Every structure is written in C-alpha cells, then in structure tokens.
Amino acid sequence: MSALKFCRECNNMLYPREDKETRTLLYACQSCDHEEVATDTCVYKRVLRKPSGEPKDVLKDAAADPSLPRTRSVRCYNCNHPEAAFFQAPARGEQALTLYFICCNPSCGHRWRD
C-alpha cells in the first residue's frame, strides 16, 4: 500500500474510484478531471499491535476494579504486598487459560502470570 496520492494538476488529494466499464481501480481528483490508474489494489490497511505476553485489555488501574476477585495467598514479586487481584485469559498462542495477577499496592501495580 502506498502513501496518500495527490493530483498532478491541482495538488488536491486523489480518492479511490472504480471504473465500472473497465472494472479497474482509479485514483480521481474531486476538484478537477485528473485520474490515474492504481498500481496497487490495496486501498487501506490497518495494522493492529498488542503487547506480547499479556491480554491487550488489561488496564493500568485494574487492581482498583472492585469486580475482580482478590487473593491474599500470593505476594507481589516486586514490592512483597500481600494482596493481588487476579483473572483468567487466554495467553498468546495458547488455547488454555492463563492466570494473571495484578498487585493491589497502588504505588506498584506489578503484573505477572502463574
């Protein structure tokens, strides 16, 4: 996919358009009659990136969420706080669920998985 295309005649942006007679993709100017045939058929591409190793929907303040269950049976590896919130989610590339912990110490917020 290429970057934005601009008209050679008036420097306005070119927009994708289909020529229905020849069934080809064109880039056309909306200000003048300039058209050019597209060299690539990809009009738009969106790349999604997510951090590896943890679910993408984990929020920074998840430890303060009252709906998450809490446990005192584990201690934070980072600050040794005795309480952690936890939840289960599928890990990247695995079908089984992984247990994630979030330290309930507001100044720490360390996350780890079991």
N, C-alpha and C. Protein backbone atom coordinates (compact mmCIF):
# COMPACT_ATOMS: atom_id res chain seq x y z
N MET A 1 0.84 -1.17 0.00
CA MET A 1 0.00 0.00 0.00
C MET A 1 0.88 1.24 0.00
N SER A 2 0.55 2.16 -0.84
CA SER A 2 1.34 3.38 -0.93
C SER A 2 0.75 4.47 -0.05
N ALA A 3 1.47 5.56 0.04
CA ALA A 3 1.03 6.70 0.85
C ALA A 3 -0.08 7.44 0.12
N LEU A 4 -0.49 8.56 0.69
CA LEU A 4 -1.53 9.38 0.06
C LEU A 4 -1.07 9.83 -1.32
N LYS A 5 -2.02 9.93 -2.22
CA LYS A 5 -1.71 10.37 -3.59
C LYS A 5 -2.33 11.74 -3.81
N PHE A 6 -1.60 12.56 -4.59
CA PHE A 6 -2.06 13.92 -4.85
C PHE A 6 -2.12 14.19 -6.35
N CYS A 7 -3.03 15.05 -6.72
CA CYS A 7 -3.27 15.40 -8.12
C CYS A 7 -2.06 16.16 -8.67
N ARG A 8 -1.64 15.81 -9.89
CA ARG A 8 -0.52 16.49 -10.55
C ARG A 8 -0.90 17.87 -11.05
N GLU A 9 -2.20 18.08 -11.25
CA GLU A 9 -2.65 19.35 -11.83
C GLU A 9 -2.99 20.39 -10.76
N CYS A 10 -3.70 20.00 -9.69
CA CYS A 10 -4.14 21.00 -8.71
C CYS A 10 -3.66 20.71 -7.28
N ASN A 11 -2.90 19.64 -7.09
CA ASN A 11 -2.32 19.26 -5.80
C ASN A 11 -3.33 18.90 -4.72
N ASN A 12 -4.57 18.60 -5.09
CA ASN A 12 -5.55 18.10 -4.13
C ASN A 12 -5.38 16.59 -3.99
N MET A 13 -5.95 16.04 -2.93
CA MET A 13 -5.81 14.60 -2.69
C MET A 13 -6.62 13.80 -3.69
N LEU A 14 -6.06 12.66 -4.12
CA LEU A 14 -6.76 11.75 -5.01
C LEU A 14 -7.48 10.70 -4.18
N TYR A 15 -8.69 10.35 -4.60
CA TYR A 15 -9.51 9.38 -3.89
C TYR A 15 -9.72 8.14 -4.76
N PRO A 16 -9.79 6.95 -4.15
CA PRO A 16 -10.02 5.73 -4.95
C PRO A 16 -11.42 5.73 -5.55
N ARG A 17 -11.49 5.24 -6.79
CA ARG A 17 -12.76 5.16 -7.50
C ARG A 17 -12.67 3.99 -8.47
N GLU A 18 -13.79 3.32 -8.68
CA GLU A 18 -13.83 2.20 -9.62
C GLU A 18 -14.36 2.67 -10.96
N ASP A 19 -13.65 2.28 -12.01
CA ASP A 19 -14.18 2.50 -13.37
C ASP A 19 -15.02 1.27 -13.68
N LYS A 20 -16.34 1.45 -13.67
CA LYS A 20 -17.25 0.32 -13.80
C LYS A 20 -17.21 -0.32 -15.19
N GLU A 21 -16.87 0.44 -16.22
CA GLU A 21 -16.81 -0.12 -17.58
C GLU A 21 -15.62 -1.07 -17.73
N THR A 22 -14.45 -0.64 -17.27
CA THR A 22 -13.25 -1.48 -17.43
C THR A 22 -12.94 -2.30 -16.17
N ARG A 23 -13.72 -2.06 -15.10
CA ARG A 23 -13.54 -2.75 -13.83
C ARG A 23 -12.10 -2.63 -13.32
N THR A 24 -11.61 -1.39 -13.29
CA THR A 24 -10.27 -1.11 -12.79
C THR A 24 -10.36 -0.08 -11.67
N LEU A 25 -9.36 -0.09 -10.82
CA LEU A 25 -9.29 0.86 -9.72
C LEU A 25 -8.53 2.10 -10.20
N LEU A 26 -9.14 3.25 -9.97
CA LEU A 26 -8.54 4.52 -10.34
C LEU A 26 -8.39 5.39 -9.11
N TYR A 27 -7.52 6.37 -9.20
CA TYR A 27 -7.45 7.45 -8.22
C TYR A 27 -7.89 8.70 -8.95
N ALA A 28 -8.92 9.35 -8.43
CA ALA A 28 -9.50 10.51 -9.11
C ALA A 28 -9.49 11.73 -8.19
N CYS A 29 -9.28 12.89 -8.82
CA CYS A 29 -9.32 14.16 -8.11
C CYS A 29 -10.77 14.63 -8.06
N GLN A 30 -11.19 15.16 -6.93
CA GLN A 30 -12.56 15.64 -6.80
C GLN A 30 -12.69 17.10 -7.21
N SER A 31 -11.56 17.76 -7.47
CA SER A 31 -11.59 19.17 -7.87
C SER A 31 -11.47 19.36 -9.38
N CYS A 32 -10.72 18.49 -10.03
CA CYS A 32 -10.56 18.59 -11.49
C CYS A 32 -10.83 17.22 -12.09
N ASP A 33 -10.58 17.03 -13.36
CA ASP A 33 -10.88 15.77 -14.04
C ASP A 33 -9.71 14.80 -14.08
N HIS A 34 -8.66 15.07 -13.33
CA HIS A 34 -7.47 14.21 -13.38
C HIS A 34 -7.77 12.84 -12.76
N GLU A 35 -7.35 11.78 -13.45
CA GLU A 35 -7.48 10.40 -12.98
C GLU A 35 -6.19 9.66 -13.32
N GLU A 36 -5.85 8.70 -12.47
CA GLU A 36 -4.72 7.83 -12.80
C GLU A 36 -5.04 6.42 -12.33
N VAL A 37 -4.54 5.45 -13.07
CA VAL A 37 -4.79 4.04 -12.76
C VAL A 37 -3.96 3.66 -11.54
N ALA A 38 -4.58 2.93 -10.64
CA ALA A 38 -3.89 2.49 -9.42
C ALA A 38 -2.91 1.39 -9.74
N THR A 39 -1.72 1.48 -9.15
CA THR A 39 -0.71 0.44 -9.36
C THR A 39 -0.86 -0.69 -8.35
N ASP A 40 -1.54 -0.41 -7.24
CA ASP A 40 -1.76 -1.40 -6.19
C ASP A 40 -3.25 -1.44 -5.87
N THR A 41 -3.79 -2.63 -5.66
CA THR A 41 -5.22 -2.75 -5.40
C THR A 41 -5.58 -2.57 -3.92
N CYS A 42 -4.59 -2.41 -3.07
CA CYS A 42 -4.85 -2.18 -1.65
C CYS A 42 -5.13 -0.70 -1.44
N VAL A 43 -6.32 -0.39 -0.94
CA VAL A 43 -6.72 0.99 -0.72
C VAL A 43 -6.45 1.42 0.71
N TYR A 44 -6.65 0.52 1.67
CA TYR A 44 -6.48 0.85 3.08
C TYR A 44 -5.99 -0.38 3.82
N LYS A 45 -5.05 -0.17 4.74
CA LYS A 45 -4.52 -1.27 5.54
C LYS A 45 -4.37 -0.79 6.97
N ARG A 46 -4.89 -1.55 7.90
CA ARG A 46 -4.78 -1.20 9.32
C ARG A 46 -3.99 -2.28 10.03
N VAL A 47 -2.94 -1.88 10.72
CA VAL A 47 -2.08 -2.81 11.45
C VAL A 47 -2.39 -2.66 12.93
N LEU A 48 -2.78 -3.76 13.56
CA LEU A 48 -3.07 -3.77 14.99
C LEU A 48 -1.88 -4.35 15.72
N ARG A 49 -1.44 -3.64 16.74
CA ARG A 49 -0.32 -4.13 17.55
C ARG A 49 -0.80 -4.27 18.98
N LYS A 50 -0.38 -5.37 19.60
CA LYS A 50 -0.72 -5.56 21.01
C LYS A 50 0.54 -6.01 21.74
N PRO A 51 0.66 -5.66 23.01
CA PRO A 51 1.84 -6.08 23.75
C PRO A 51 1.86 -7.59 23.90
N SER A 52 3.03 -8.17 23.77
CA SER A 52 3.13 -9.62 23.89
C SER A 52 3.17 -10.03 25.35
N GLY A 53 2.61 -11.18 25.63
CA GLY A 53 2.70 -11.73 26.97
C GLY A 53 1.56 -11.39 27.91
N GLU A 54 0.71 -10.44 27.56
CA GLU A 54 -0.43 -10.14 28.42
C GLU A 54 -1.61 -9.71 27.56
N PRO A 55 -2.83 -9.91 28.04
CA PRO A 55 -4.00 -9.52 27.25
C PRO A 55 -4.01 -8.03 26.98
N LYS A 56 -4.52 -7.64 25.81
CA LYS A 56 -4.49 -6.23 25.42
C LYS A 56 -5.47 -5.37 26.19
N ASP A 57 -6.46 -5.99 26.84
CA ASP A 57 -7.48 -5.20 27.52
C ASP A 57 -7.19 -5.01 29.02
N VAL A 58 -5.97 -5.33 29.47
CA VAL A 58 -5.62 -5.11 30.87
C VAL A 58 -5.33 -3.63 31.04
N LEU A 59 -6.05 -3.00 31.96
CA LEU A 59 -5.88 -1.58 32.21
C LEU A 59 -4.88 -1.36 33.34
N LYS A 60 -4.31 -0.18 33.35
CA LYS A 60 -3.32 0.13 34.38
C LYS A 60 -3.94 0.14 35.77
N ASP A 61 -5.19 0.57 35.90
CA ASP A 61 -5.85 0.64 37.20
C ASP A 61 -6.75 -0.57 37.46
N ALA A 62 -6.43 -1.70 36.88
CA ALA A 62 -7.26 -2.90 37.05
C ALA A 62 -7.26 -3.39 38.49
N ALA A 63 -6.21 -3.12 39.25
CA ALA A 63 -6.16 -3.57 40.64
C ALA A 63 -7.21 -2.86 41.48
N ALA A 64 -7.65 -1.68 41.06
CA ALA A 64 -8.67 -0.94 41.80
C ALA A 64 -10.08 -1.35 41.40
N ASP A 65 -10.22 -2.23 40.43
CA ASP A 65 -11.52 -2.69 39.95
C ASP A 65 -12.17 -3.58 41.00
N PRO A 66 -13.31 -3.17 41.58
CA PRO A 66 -13.94 -3.98 42.63
C PRO A 66 -14.56 -5.27 42.12
N SER A 67 -14.75 -5.40 40.81
CA SER A 67 -15.36 -6.62 40.28
C SER A 67 -14.36 -7.76 40.12
N LEU A 68 -13.05 -7.46 40.16
CA LEU A 68 -12.04 -8.52 40.06
C LEU A 68 -11.87 -9.21 41.40
N PRO A 69 -11.76 -10.53 41.40
CA PRO A 69 -11.52 -11.24 42.66
C PRO A 69 -10.11 -10.93 43.18
N ARG A 70 -9.94 -11.04 44.48
CA ARG A 70 -8.65 -10.76 45.12
C ARG A 70 -8.22 -11.97 45.95
N THR A 71 -6.92 -12.07 46.14
CA THR A 71 -6.39 -13.16 46.94
C THR A 71 -5.26 -12.64 47.83
N ARG A 72 -5.11 -13.30 48.98
CA ARG A 72 -4.00 -13.00 49.88
C ARG A 72 -3.05 -14.19 49.94
N SER A 73 -3.24 -15.16 49.04
CA SER A 73 -2.40 -16.34 49.05
C SER A 73 -1.12 -16.18 48.22
N VAL A 74 -0.98 -15.08 47.50
CA VAL A 74 0.25 -14.80 46.76
C VAL A 74 0.77 -13.42 47.16
N ARG A 75 2.06 -13.24 47.04
CA ARG A 75 2.68 -11.95 47.32
C ARG A 75 3.30 -11.41 46.03
N CYS A 76 3.30 -10.11 45.93
CA CYS A 76 3.88 -9.45 44.77
C CYS A 76 5.40 -9.68 44.77
N TYR A 77 5.95 -10.06 43.62
CA TYR A 77 7.39 -10.28 43.50
C TYR A 77 8.17 -8.96 43.54
N ASN A 78 7.47 -7.88 43.22
CA ASN A 78 8.12 -6.58 43.10
C ASN A 78 8.20 -5.85 44.45
N CYS A 79 7.07 -5.78 45.20
CA CYS A 79 7.04 -4.99 46.43
C CYS A 79 6.67 -5.81 47.67
N ASN A 80 6.41 -7.10 47.48
CA ASN A 80 6.07 -8.01 48.58
C ASN A 80 4.72 -7.68 49.22
N HIS A 81 3.82 -6.99 48.52
CA HIS A 81 2.48 -6.68 49.02
C HIS A 81 1.68 -7.98 49.12
N PRO A 82 0.88 -8.16 50.19
CA PRO A 82 0.22 -9.45 50.42
C PRO A 82 -1.09 -9.64 49.65
N GLU A 83 -1.53 -8.68 48.85
CA GLU A 83 -2.82 -8.83 48.17
C GLU A 83 -2.66 -8.58 46.67
N ALA A 84 -3.37 -9.40 45.88
CA ALA A 84 -3.33 -9.25 44.43
C ALA A 84 -4.71 -9.55 43.85
N ALA A 85 -5.09 -8.81 42.83
CA ALA A 85 -6.30 -9.11 42.06
C ALA A 85 -5.89 -10.11 40.98
N PHE A 86 -6.84 -10.92 40.54
CA PHE A 86 -6.49 -11.91 39.52
C PHE A 86 -7.65 -12.12 38.56
N PHE A 87 -7.31 -12.65 37.36
CA PHE A 87 -8.29 -13.01 36.35
C PHE A 87 -7.66 -14.02 35.41
N GLN A 88 -8.51 -14.69 34.65
CA GLN A 88 -8.03 -15.67 33.68
C GLN A 88 -8.30 -15.15 32.27
N ALA A 89 -7.35 -15.40 31.38
CA ALA A 89 -7.49 -15.02 29.97
C ALA A 89 -6.58 -15.94 29.16
N PRO A 90 -6.90 -16.14 27.87
CA PRO A 90 -6.01 -16.96 27.04
C PRO A 90 -4.70 -16.23 26.78
N ALA A 91 -3.60 -16.95 26.91
CA ALA A 91 -2.29 -16.37 26.61
C ALA A 91 -2.06 -16.42 25.10
N ARG A 92 -1.16 -15.62 24.63
CA ARG A 92 -0.89 -15.53 23.19
C ARG A 92 -0.38 -16.88 22.67
N GLY A 93 -1.04 -17.38 21.66
CA GLY A 93 -0.63 -18.62 21.03
C GLY A 93 -1.03 -19.88 21.78
N GLU A 94 -1.77 -19.75 22.86
CA GLU A 94 -2.20 -20.91 23.64
C GLU A 94 -3.72 -21.00 23.66
N GLN A 95 -4.23 -22.21 23.78
CA GLN A 95 -5.67 -22.40 23.86
C GLN A 95 -6.15 -22.42 25.31
N ALA A 96 -5.28 -22.83 26.23
CA ALA A 96 -5.66 -22.89 27.64
C ALA A 96 -5.65 -21.49 28.25
N LEU A 97 -6.38 -21.34 29.35
CA LEU A 97 -6.42 -20.06 30.03
C LEU A 97 -5.21 -19.91 30.95
N THR A 98 -4.73 -18.69 31.07
CA THR A 98 -3.61 -18.37 31.95
C THR A 98 -4.12 -17.49 33.08
N LEU A 99 -3.60 -17.69 34.27
CA LEU A 99 -3.99 -16.91 35.43
C LEU A 99 -3.06 -15.70 35.55
N TYR A 100 -3.64 -14.50 35.50
CA TYR A 100 -2.90 -13.25 35.60
C TYR A 100 -3.15 -12.62 36.97
N PHE A 101 -2.10 -12.06 37.58
CA PHE A 101 -2.19 -11.38 38.86
C PHE A 101 -1.78 -9.92 38.68
N ILE A 102 -2.41 -9.03 39.47
CA ILE A 102 -2.07 -7.61 39.48
C ILE A 102 -1.93 -7.20 40.94
N CYS A 103 -0.80 -6.63 41.29
CA CYS A 103 -0.55 -6.19 42.66
C CYS A 103 -1.55 -5.10 43.05
N CYS A 104 -2.12 -5.21 44.23
CA CYS A 104 -3.11 -4.23 44.70
C CYS A 104 -2.48 -3.03 45.38
N ASN A 105 -1.18 -3.01 45.50
CA ASN A 105 -0.49 -1.84 46.04
C ASN A 105 -0.56 -0.72 44.99
N PRO A 106 -1.21 0.41 45.30
CA PRO A 106 -1.38 1.47 44.30
C PRO A 106 -0.07 2.05 43.77
N SER A 107 0.99 2.00 44.57
CA SER A 107 2.27 2.54 44.10
C SER A 107 3.06 1.52 43.29
N CYS A 108 2.60 0.27 43.21
CA CYS A 108 3.33 -0.78 42.48
C CYS A 108 2.63 -1.13 41.16
N GLY A 109 1.49 -1.83 41.25
CA GLY A 109 0.75 -2.21 40.05
C GLY A 109 1.43 -3.28 39.20
N HIS A 110 2.39 -3.99 39.77
CA HIS A 110 3.12 -5.04 39.03
C HIS A 110 2.15 -6.12 38.55
N ARG A 111 2.38 -6.61 37.33
CA ARG A 111 1.55 -7.68 36.75
C ARG A 111 2.40 -8.90 36.47
N TRP A 112 1.87 -10.06 36.76
CA TRP A 112 2.57 -11.31 36.45
C TRP A 112 1.54 -12.39 36.20
N ARG A 113 2.02 -13.50 35.65
CA ARG A 113 1.11 -14.61 35.38
C ARG A 113 1.64 -15.87 36.04
N ASP A 114 0.72 -16.76 36.32
CA ASP A 114 1.05 -18.00 37.00
C ASP A 114 1.35 -19.08 35.99
